[in-house]
């Protein structure tokens, strides 16, 4: 059934699926997601394509705590895929110590910068492992 994000599919135990679309689209984009995994995307597929493989890989996560207040702070995390994350998945800006968390990050080298009022609170190179939550305290 169509949804605002597309069509949800039933996937067999072996990962197989069949997609039937109304009309004749010129091209198709397939996206597979699952919690704790990096999304897999294939674009520009022709209708009637067969044998398409989407492989989900384990994602990494990063969580931490900053002693100073983070009200008005700016985050920038660049993961191994070069994706820039400016908003933590979870955090509560407040005046006291603040916890934050980023999820679904590409494993490998990463860089985190947190600044407030032009001052770097954190400016660190990190190594993120698939399926693990790196801790920053």
Protein backbone atom coordinates (compact mmCIF):
# COMPACT_ATOMS: atom_id res chain seq x y z
CA UNK A 1 0.00 0.00 0.00
CA UNK A 2 1.24 3.50 -0.75
CA UNK A 3 2.40 5.57 2.20
CA UNK A 4 3.92 9.07 2.40
CA UNK A 5 7.33 7.42 2.08
CA UNK A 6 6.46 4.92 -0.66
CA UNK A 7 5.42 1.29 -0.46
CA UNK A 8 6.04 -1.11 2.40
CA UNK A 9 6.89 -4.62 1.20
CA UNK A 10 6.57 -8.07 2.64
CA UNK A 11 10.01 -9.65 2.59
CA UNK A 12 10.50 -13.41 2.65
CA UNK A 13 12.83 -15.21 5.06
CA UNK A 14 15.41 -15.35 2.26
CA UNK A 15 15.11 -11.60 1.70
CA UNK A 16 13.17 -11.89 -1.56
CA UNK A 17 10.32 -9.55 -2.44
CA UNK A 18 8.11 -8.60 -5.35
CA UNK A 19 6.98 -5.06 -6.03
CA UNK A 20 3.93 -4.38 -8.18
CA UNK A 21 3.34 -0.73 -9.01
CA UNK A 22 0.31 0.84 -10.65
CA UNK A 23 0.97 2.56 -13.97
CA UNK A 24 4.35 2.57 -15.71
CA UNK A 25 6.96 4.53 -13.76
CA UNK A 26 10.06 5.61 -15.69
CA UNK A 27 12.45 4.69 -12.90
CA UNK A 28 12.27 3.27 -9.41
CA UNK A 29 14.19 3.96 -6.21
CA UNK A 30 14.44 1.13 -3.68
CA UNK A 31 15.38 1.86 -0.08
CA UNK A 32 15.77 -0.74 2.67
CA UNK A 33 15.98 0.24 6.33
CA UNK A 34 16.17 -1.52 9.66
CA UNK A 35 16.99 -0.26 13.15
CA UNK A 36 20.68 -0.51 13.89
CA UNK A 37 21.60 -0.84 10.21
CA UNK A 38 22.72 1.65 7.58
CA UNK A 39 20.06 2.28 4.92
CA UNK A 40 20.65 0.69 1.51
CA UNK A 41 19.49 2.56 -1.60
CA UNK A 42 19.37 1.75 -5.31
CA UNK A 43 18.16 4.47 -7.69
CA UNK A 44 17.33 4.65 -11.38
CA UNK A 45 16.03 1.08 -11.62
CA UNK A 46 13.96 0.21 -14.66
CA UNK A 47 10.52 -1.36 -14.18
CA UNK A 48 10.77 -5.14 -14.54
CA UNK A 49 14.31 -5.27 -13.12
CA UNK A 50 15.17 -8.57 -11.48
CA UNK A 51 17.92 -9.85 -9.23
CA UNK A 52 18.35 -6.53 -7.43
CA UNK A 53 20.35 -6.84 -4.24
CA UNK A 54 20.17 -4.42 -1.33
CA UNK A 55 22.60 -5.22 1.46
CA UNK A 56 22.14 -3.72 4.91
CA UNK A 57 25.32 -3.22 6.92
CA UNK A 58 25.59 -2.78 10.67
CA UNK A 59 25.68 0.83 11.77
CA UNK A 60 27.73 2.38 14.55
CA UNK A 61 26.52 4.74 17.25
CA UNK A 62 28.08 7.42 19.44
CA UNK A 63 26.85 8.68 22.78
CA UNK A 64 28.37 11.00 25.28
CA UNK A 65 28.01 13.51 28.04
CA UNK A 66 29.20 17.07 28.22
CA UNK A 67 29.65 18.65 31.64
CA UNK A 68 28.91 22.20 30.55
CA UNK A 69 25.56 23.46 29.36
CA UNK A 70 24.65 22.75 25.73
CA UNK A 71 21.87 25.28 25.28
CA UNK A 72 22.64 26.92 21.92
CA UNK A 73 25.38 24.41 21.03
CA UNK A 74 26.07 23.34 17.43
CA UNK A 75 26.95 19.74 16.61
CA UNK A 76 28.77 18.43 13.55
CA UNK A 77 29.66 14.78 13.23
CA UNK A 78 31.20 13.55 9.97
CA UNK A 79 31.08 9.78 9.63
CA UNK A 80 33.21 7.46 7.47
CA UNK A 81 30.77 7.80 4.55
CA UNK A 82 31.30 11.58 4.60
CA UNK A 83 27.75 12.21 5.82
CA UNK A 84 27.38 15.27 8.05
CA UNK A 85 25.10 14.88 11.07
CA UNK A 86 24.11 18.17 12.69
CA UNK A 87 21.39 16.92 15.01
CA UNK A 88 21.92 14.13 17.51
CA UNK A 89 19.34 11.35 17.41
CA UNK A 90 18.62 12.06 21.04
CA UNK A 91 19.62 14.91 23.32
CA UNK A 92 18.15 17.37 25.73
CA UNK A 93 19.77 20.80 25.70
CA UNK A 94 19.85 22.11 29.23
CA UNK A 95 21.94 24.20 31.59
CA UNK A 96 23.65 21.30 33.42
CA UNK A 97 25.47 18.18 32.17
CA UNK A 98 23.88 16.96 28.94
CA UNK A 99 23.80 13.54 27.32
CA UNK A 100 23.59 13.11 23.55
CA UNK A 101 23.44 10.23 21.08
CA UNK A 102 23.96 9.73 17.34
CA UNK A 103 22.70 6.53 15.68
CA UNK A 104 22.98 4.89 12.26
CA UNK A 105 26.51 6.13 11.57
CA UNK A 106 28.87 4.64 9.00
CA UNK A 107 31.57 2.66 10.85
CA UNK A 108 35.17 3.82 10.56
CA UNK A 109 36.95 7.10 11.20
CA UNK A 110 34.73 10.00 12.24
CA UNK A 111 35.11 13.52 13.55
CA UNK A 112 32.92 15.22 16.15
CA UNK A 113 32.84 18.94 16.84
CA UNK A 114 30.54 20.57 19.36
CA UNK A 115 30.74 24.33 19.77
CA UNK A 116 28.86 27.00 21.63
CA UNK A 117 29.29 30.74 21.22
CA UNK A 118 32.22 30.14 18.84
CA UNK A 119 34.16 28.03 21.37
CA UNK A 120 34.86 24.35 20.71
CA UNK A 121 33.62 22.20 23.59
CA UNK A 122 34.64 19.01 21.74
CA UNK A 123 36.85 18.66 18.64
CA UNK A 124 37.85 15.00 18.33
CA UNK A 125 38.72 12.32 15.83
CA UNK A 126 36.96 9.04 16.63
CA UNK A 127 36.91 5.44 15.45
CA UNK A 128 33.41 3.95 15.19
CA UNK A 129 32.91 0.17 15.08
CA UNK A 130 29.94 -1.57 13.42
CA UNK A 131 27.33 -2.74 15.90
CA UNK A 132 28.93 -0.82 18.78
CA UNK A 133 28.16 2.38 20.64
CA UNK A 134 31.28 4.51 21.12
CA UNK A 135 31.20 6.43 24.40
CA UNK A 136 32.47 9.95 24.78
CA UNK A 137 32.72 11.32 28.32
